[in-house]
Amino acid sequence: MAQRGAIASEVLSIVAIAVVAIGVPPALGESAWVRGEVRINYHAAPMPASTPMGVVKTGEEVSVLERRGGWARIQASSGGSGWLPESNLDAQAPPTQRIGQVESELEKLRAALAAAIHERDELREQNAQISASQSEREATVRQLTEENRDLRAGQRWPYLITGAAILGAGILVGGLVSRSSGRRSSPRIRF
């Protein structure tokens, strides 16, 4: 009994290593690609001796409909369906197809980069214009501040002149009124 358990454990270990080494095949309903450098017949049943139903070429994308005993029931891009050994399927697109996808992504990224560079240049130009207008505004504010200060200082003079004129007029009127009153001041000193 102990030997059977050890043998079963070894077999399970070998199977686990084989599954990891081979890789996990694509899930049902997912896309898969035909691997190898050949044209492969797909069959009516999951047996090599069954009737061929059609041909798929290397790199052709197929849909996996079902898996059974190392065989996968596929639907070809031409619309036909049949059975193909799972070993002829790959979960990744062939390098030539991936290169096309990567090149199209690269073109999209280049276009996005060109748009970003264009936007950056426009923003730099706007920033330069804003900086120039900001400098102009600051100069205008300084000039207006100086003019305002000068105007405030200049507004005091009319008040001072008006006050001096009123004071002068008051002294003049006071002097005229006191002379015309007829009273003369006496040179005597009173105690």
C-alpha atoms as a PDB file:
ATOM      1  CA  MET A   1       0.000   0.000   0.000  1.00  0.00           C
ATOM      2  CA  ALA A   2       2.773   2.409   0.887  1.00  0.00           C
ATOM      3  CA  GLN A   3       4.371   1.738  -2.516  1.00  0.00           C
ATOM      4  CA  ARG A   4       1.110   2.536  -4.333  1.00  0.00           C
ATOM      5  CA  GLY A   5       0.838   5.853  -2.463  1.00  0.00           C
ATOM      6  CA  ALA A   6       4.434   6.737  -3.320  1.00  0.00           C
ATOM      7  CA  ILE A   7       3.915   5.791  -6.982  1.00  0.00           C
ATOM      8  CA  ALA A   8       0.674   7.781  -7.135  1.00  0.00           C
ATOM      9  CA  SER A   9       2.448  10.766  -5.591  1.00  0.00           C
ATOM     10  CA  GLU A  10       5.280  10.493  -8.153  1.00  0.00           C
ATOM     11  CA  VAL A  11       2.806  10.218 -11.041  1.00  0.00           C
ATOM     12  CA  LEU A  12       0.929  13.278  -9.817  1.00  0.00           C
ATOM     13  CA  SER A  13       4.216  15.193  -9.530  1.00  0.00           C
ATOM     14  CA  ILE A  14       5.189  14.228 -13.074  1.00  0.00           C
ATOM     15  CA  VAL A  15       1.765  15.218 -14.413  1.00  0.00           C
ATOM     16  CA  ALA A  16       1.944  18.553 -12.582  1.00  0.00           C
ATOM     17  CA  ILE A  17       5.414  19.245 -14.000  1.00  0.00           C
ATOM     18  CA  ALA A  18       4.229  18.288 -17.500  1.00  0.00           C
ATOM     19  CA  VAL A  19       1.229  20.620 -17.250  1.00  0.00           C
ATOM     20  CA  VAL A  20       3.449  23.499 -16.115  1.00  0.00           C
ATOM     21  CA  ALA A  21       6.056  22.760 -18.810  1.00  0.00           C
ATOM     22  CA  ILE A  22       3.513  22.488 -21.620  1.00  0.00           C
ATOM     23  CA  GLY A  23       1.509  25.464 -20.413  1.00  0.00           C
ATOM     24  CA  VAL A  24      -2.168  25.817 -19.807  1.00  0.00           C
ATOM     25  CA  PRO A  25      -4.182  25.710 -23.035  1.00  0.00           C
ATOM     26  CA  PRO A  26      -6.605  28.567 -23.786  1.00  0.00           C
ATOM     27  CA  ALA A  27      -9.989  28.467 -22.073  1.00  0.00           C
ATOM     28  CA  LEU A  28     -13.123  27.470 -23.952  1.00  0.00           C
ATOM     29  CA  GLY A  29     -14.652  30.167 -26.135  1.00  0.00           C
ATOM     30  CA  GLU A  30     -11.369  32.083 -26.266  1.00  0.00           C
ATOM     31  CA  SER A  31      -9.278  32.705 -29.323  1.00  0.00           C
ATOM     32  CA  ALA A  32      -6.355  30.468 -30.148  1.00  0.00           C
ATOM     33  CA  TRP A  33      -3.907  30.431 -33.046  1.00  0.00           C
ATOM     34  CA  VAL A  34      -2.642  27.524 -35.093  1.00  0.00           C
ATOM     35  CA  ARG A  35       1.037  26.930 -34.380  1.00  0.00           C
ATOM     36  CA  GLY A  36       3.738  25.351 -36.489  1.00  0.00           C
ATOM     37  CA  GLU A  37       4.727  25.977 -40.081  1.00  0.00           C
ATOM     38  CA  VAL A  38       2.102  23.827 -41.764  1.00  0.00           C
ATOM     39  CA  ARG A  39      -1.426  23.566 -43.032  1.00  0.00           C
ATOM     40  CA  ILE A  40      -3.454  21.304 -40.747  1.00  0.00           C
ATOM     41  CA  ASN A  41      -6.661  19.418 -41.427  1.00  0.00           C
ATOM     42  CA  TYR A  42      -9.379  19.626 -38.826  1.00  0.00           C
ATOM     43  CA  HIS A  43     -11.555  16.548 -38.512  1.00  0.00           C
ATOM     44  CA  ALA A  44     -15.210  15.635 -38.005  1.00  0.00           C
ATOM     45  CA  ALA A  45     -14.415  13.727 -34.791  1.00  0.00           C
ATOM     46  CA  PRO A  46     -11.585  13.829 -32.227  1.00  0.00           C
ATOM     47  CA  MET A  47      -9.625  11.052 -33.981  1.00  0.00           C
ATOM     48  CA  PRO A  48      -6.827  11.244 -36.557  1.00  0.00           C
ATOM     49  CA  ALA A  49      -8.579   8.747 -38.814  1.00  0.00           C
ATOM     50  CA  SER A  50     -11.867  10.704 -39.003  1.00  0.00           C
ATOM     51  CA  THR A  51     -12.939  12.605 -42.086  1.00  0.00           C
ATOM     52  CA  PRO A  52     -11.113  15.936 -42.686  1.00  0.00           C
ATOM     53  CA  MET A  53     -13.556  18.847 -42.664  1.00  0.00           C
ATOM     54  CA  GLY A  54     -11.231  21.668 -43.715  1.00  0.00           C
ATOM     55  CA  VAL A  55      -7.768  23.179 -43.463  1.00  0.00           C
ATOM     56  CA  VAL A  56      -6.320  25.846 -41.168  1.00  0.00           C
ATOM     57  CA  LYS A  57      -2.979  27.515 -41.741  1.00  0.00           C
ATOM     58  CA  THR A  58      -0.238  28.562 -39.357  1.00  0.00           C
ATOM     59  CA  GLY A  59      -1.146  31.787 -37.579  1.00  0.00           C
ATOM     60  CA  GLU A  60      -4.859  31.540 -38.359  1.00  0.00           C
ATOM     61  CA  GLU A  61      -7.112  32.553 -35.478  1.00  0.00           C
ATOM     62  CA  VAL A  62      -9.706  29.984 -34.408  1.00  0.00           C
ATOM     63  CA  SER A  63     -12.317  29.833 -31.642  1.00  0.00           C
ATOM     64  CA  VAL A  64     -12.092  26.933 -29.214  1.00  0.00           C
ATOM     65  CA  LEU A  65     -15.604  25.533 -28.659  1.00  0.00           C
ATOM     66  CA  GLU A  66     -14.837  22.386 -26.649  1.00  0.00           C
ATOM     67  CA  ARG A  67     -11.907  20.294 -25.347  1.00  0.00           C
ATOM     68  CA  ARG A  68     -11.822  16.524 -25.016  1.00  0.00           C
ATOM     69  CA  GLY A  69      -8.943  14.038 -24.615  1.00  0.00           C
ATOM     70  CA  GLY A  70      -6.165  16.232 -26.050  1.00  0.00           C
ATOM     71  CA  TRP A  71      -8.388  17.444 -28.895  1.00  0.00           C
ATOM     72  CA  ALA A  72     -10.096  20.829 -29.293  1.00  0.00           C
ATOM     73  CA  ARG A  73     -13.270  21.456 -31.258  1.00  0.00           C
ATOM     74  CA  ILE A  74     -12.633  24.677 -33.133  1.00  0.00           C
ATOM     75  CA  GLN A  75     -14.429  27.077 -35.393  1.00  0.00           C
ATOM     76  CA  ALA A  76     -12.180  28.365 -38.149  1.00  0.00           C
ATOM     77  CA  SER A  77     -12.258  31.944 -39.411  1.00  0.00           C
ATOM     78  CA  SER A  78     -13.767  30.537 -42.639  1.00  0.00           C
ATOM     79  CA  GLY A  79     -16.796  29.421 -40.591  1.00  0.00           C
ATOM     80  CA  GLY A  80     -16.167  25.657 -40.651  1.00  0.00           C
ATOM     81  CA  SER A  81     -15.808  23.688 -37.449  1.00  0.00           C
ATOM     82  CA  GLY A  82     -14.106  20.459 -36.499  1.00  0.00           C
ATOM     83  CA  TRP A  83     -11.583  18.780 -34.221  1.00  0.00           C
ATOM     84  CA  LEU A  84      -7.874  19.579 -34.036  1.00  0.00           C
ATOM     85  CA  PRO A  85      -5.157  18.235 -31.698  1.00  0.00           C
ATOM     86  CA  GLU A  86      -4.640  20.716 -28.837  1.00  0.00           C
ATOM     87  CA  SER A  87      -0.884  20.563 -29.395  1.00  0.00           C
ATOM     88  CA  ASN A  88      -1.415  22.510 -32.634  1.00  0.00           C
ATOM     89  CA  LEU A  89      -2.987  25.463 -30.809  1.00  0.00           C
ATOM     90  CA  ASP A  90      -1.286  28.371 -29.087  1.00  0.00           C
ATOM     91  CA  ALA A  91      -2.858  30.889 -26.722  1.00  0.00           C
ATOM     92  CA  GLN A  92      -0.794  33.765 -28.158  1.00  0.00           C
ATOM     93  CA  ALA A  93      -0.955  35.269 -31.606  1.00  0.00           C
ATOM     94  CA  PRO A  94       2.019  34.480 -33.834  1.00  0.00           C
ATOM     95  CA  PRO A  95       4.890  36.985 -33.794  1.00  0.00           C
ATOM     96  CA  THR A  96       4.014  38.366 -37.235  1.00  0.00           C
ATOM     97  CA  GLN A  97       0.520  39.245 -36.068  1.00  0.00           C
ATOM     98  CA  ARG A  98       1.772  40.649 -32.772  1.00  0.00           C
ATOM     99  CA  ILE A  99       4.248  42.817 -34.677  1.00  0.00           C
ATOM    100  CA  GLY A 100       1.354  44.290 -36.632  1.00  0.00           C
ATOM    101  CA  GLN A 101      -0.536  44.985 -33.415  1.00  0.00           C
ATOM    102  CA  VAL A 102       2.535  46.511 -31.779  1.00  0.00           C
ATOM    103  CA  GLU A 103       3.201  48.662 -34.856  1.00  0.00           C
ATOM    104  CA  SER A 104      -0.381  49.964 -34.847  1.00  0.00           C
ATOM    105  CA  GLU A 105      -0.091  50.734 -31.120  1.00  0.00           C
ATOM    106  CA  LEU A 106       3.236  52.453 -31.833  1.00  0.00           C
ATOM    107  CA  GLU A 107       1.579  54.636 -34.489  1.00  0.00           C
ATOM    108  CA  LYS A 108      -1.180  55.565 -32.037  1.00  0.00           C
ATOM    109  CA  LEU A 109       1.431  56.435 -29.399  1.00  0.00           C
ATOM    110  CA  ARG A 110       3.406  58.501 -31.924  1.00  0.00           C
ATOM    111  CA  ALA A 111       0.249  60.405 -32.862  1.00  0.00           C
ATOM    112  CA  ALA A 112      -0.537  60.975 -29.174  1.00  0.00           C
ATOM    113  CA  LEU A 113       3.050  62.139 -28.597  1.00  0.00           C
ATOM    114  CA  ALA A 114       2.863  64.546 -31.537  1.00  0.00           C
ATOM    115  CA  ALA A 115      -0.422  65.925 -30.189  1.00  0.00           C
ATOM    116  CA  ALA A 116       1.108  66.296 -26.713  1.00  0.00           C
ATOM    117  CA  ILE A 117       4.158  68.096 -28.142  1.00  0.00           C
ATOM    118  CA  HIS A 118       1.889  70.408 -30.140  1.00  0.00           C
ATOM    119  CA  GLU A 119      -0.194  71.129 -27.037  1.00  0.00           C
ATOM    120  CA  ARG A 120       2.985  71.742 -25.015  1.00  0.00           C
ATOM    121  CA  ASP A 121       4.226  74.251 -27.601  1.00  0.00           C
ATOM    122  CA  GLU A 122       0.861  76.039 -27.614  1.00  0.00           C
ATOM    123  CA  LEU A 123       0.877  76.198 -23.806  1.00  0.00           C
ATOM    124  CA  ARG A 124       4.428  77.586 -23.794  1.00  0.00           C
ATOM    125  CA  GLU A 125       3.378  80.271 -26.276  1.00  0.00           C
ATOM    126  CA  GLN A 126       0.322  81.128 -24.172  1.00  0.00           C
ATOM    127  CA  ASN A 127       2.515  81.251 -21.071  1.00  0.00           C
ATOM    128  CA  ALA A 128       4.917  83.668 -22.804  1.00  0.00           C
ATOM    129  CA  GLN A 129       1.990  85.876 -23.853  1.00  0.00           C
ATOM    130  CA  ILE A 130       0.555  85.820 -20.343  1.00  0.00           C
ATOM    131  CA  SER A 131       3.962  86.682 -18.857  1.00  0.00           C
ATOM    132  CA  ALA A 132       4.331  89.610 -21.277  1.00  0.00           C
ATOM    133  CA  SER A 133       0.838  90.907 -20.525  1.00  0.00           C
ATOM    134  CA  GLN A 134       1.495  90.433 -16.792  1.00  0.00           C
ATOM    135  CA  SER A 135       4.640  92.565 -17.072  1.00  0.00           C
ATOM    136  CA  GLU A 136       2.652  95.218 -18.943  1.00  0.00           C
ATOM    137  CA  ARG A 137      -0.036  95.164 -16.257  1.00  0.00           C
ATOM    138  CA  GLU A 138       2.525  95.525 -13.480  1.00  0.00           C
ATOM    139  CA  ALA A 139       4.113  98.509 -15.246  1.00  0.00           C
ATOM    140  CA  THR A 140       0.665 100.084 -15.717  1.00  0.00           C
ATOM    141  CA  VAL A 141      -0.199  99.530 -12.035  1.00  0.00           C
ATOM    142  CA  ARG A 142       3.082 101.171 -10.961  1.00  0.00           C
ATOM    143  CA  GLN A 143       2.439 104.133 -13.252  1.00  0.00           C
ATOM    144  CA  LEU A 144      -1.154 104.538 -12.035  1.00  0.00           C
ATOM    145  CA  THR A 145      -0.023 104.290  -8.407  1.00  0.00           C
ATOM    146  CA  GLU A 146       2.495 107.105  -8.937  1.00  0.00           C
ATOM    147  CA  GLU A 147      -0.100 109.228 -10.748  1.00  0.00           C
ATOM    148  CA  ASN A 148      -2.603 108.636  -7.939  1.00  0.00           C
ATOM    149  CA  ARG A 149      -0.039 109.651  -5.327  1.00  0.00           C
ATOM    150  CA  ASP A 150       0.766 112.825  -7.305  1.00  0.00           C
ATOM    151  CA  LEU A 151      -2.938 113.616  -7.689  1.00  0.00           C
ATOM    152  CA  ARG A 152      -3.584 113.185  -3.985  1.00  0.00           C
ATOM    153  CA  ALA A 153      -0.664 115.478  -3.157  1.00  0.00           C
ATOM    154  CA  GLY A 154      -1.899 117.961  -5.760  1.00  0.00           C
ATOM    155  CA  GLN A 155      -5.408 117.962  -4.272  1.00  0.00           C
ATOM    156  CA  ARG A 156      -4.149 119.435  -0.986  1.00  0.00           C
ATOM    157  CA  TRP A 157      -2.956 122.698  -2.562  1.00  0.00           C
ATOM    158  CA  PRO A 158      -6.410 123.976  -3.456  1.00  0.00           C
ATOM    159  CA  TYR A 159      -7.547 123.445   0.142  1.00  0.00           C
ATOM    160  CA  LEU A 160      -4.475 125.231   1.512  1.00  0.00           C
ATOM    161  CA  ILE A 161      -4.891 128.141  -0.877  1.00  0.00           C
ATOM    162  CA  THR A 162      -8.603 128.408  -0.116  1.00  0.00           C
ATOM    163  CA  GLY A 163      -7.905 128.364   3.625  1.00  0.00           C
ATOM    164  CA  ALA A 164      -5.198 131.005   3.278  1.00  0.00           C
ATOM    165  CA  ALA A 165      -7.529 133.174   1.201  1.00  0.00           C
ATOM    166  CA  ILE A 166     -10.295 132.881   3.799  1.00  0.00           C
ATOM    167  CA  LEU A 167      -7.851 133.714   6.593  1.00  0.00           C
ATOM    168  CA  GLY A 168      -6.498 136.686   4.671  1.00  0.00           C
ATOM    169  CA  ALA A 169      -9.996 137.903   3.897  1.00  0.00           C
ATOM    170  CA  GLY A 170     -10.911 137.582   7.582  1.00  0.00           C
ATOM    171  CA  ILE A 171      -7.908 139.595   8.722  1.00  0.00           C
ATOM    172  CA  LEU A 172      -8.608 142.231   6.101  1.00  0.00           C
ATOM    173  CA  VAL A 173     -12.288 142.485   7.037  1.00  0.00           C
ATOM    174  CA  GLY A 174     -11.377 142.561  10.732  1.00  0.00           C
ATOM    175  CA  GLY A 175      -8.929 145.348  10.149  1.00  0.00           C
ATOM    176  CA  LEU A 176     -11.414 147.378   8.129  1.00  0.00           C
ATOM    177  CA  VAL A 177     -14.186 146.905  10.652  1.00  0.00           C
ATOM    178  CA  SER A 178     -12.025 147.985  13.575  1.00  0.00           C
ATOM    179  CA  ARG A 179     -10.914 151.162  11.838  1.00  0.00           C
ATOM    180  CA  SER A 180     -14.328 152.114  10.788  1.00  0.00           C
ATOM    181  CA  SER A 181     -15.893 151.733  14.204  1.00  0.00           C
ATOM    182  CA  GLY A 182     -14.745 155.174  15.217  1.00  0.00           C
ATOM    183  CA  ARG A 183     -13.201 154.319  18.446  1.00  0.00           C
ATOM    184  CA  ARG A 184      -9.737 155.233  18.860  1.00  0.00           C
ATOM    185  CA  SER A 185      -7.532 153.544  21.174  1.00  0.00           C
ATOM    186  CA  SER A 186      -6.297 155.685  23.986  1.00  0.00           C
ATOM    187  CA  PRO A 187      -2.714 155.924  24.822  1.00  0.00           C
ATOM    188  CA  ARG A 188      -3.509 155.752  28.470  1.00  0.00           C
ATOM    189  CA  ILE A 189      -2.948 152.773  30.534  1.00  0.00           C
ATOM    190  CA  ARG A 190      -5.701 151.711  32.791  1.00  0.00           C
ATOM    191  CA  PHE A 191      -5.341 149.798  35.956  1.00  0.00           C
END
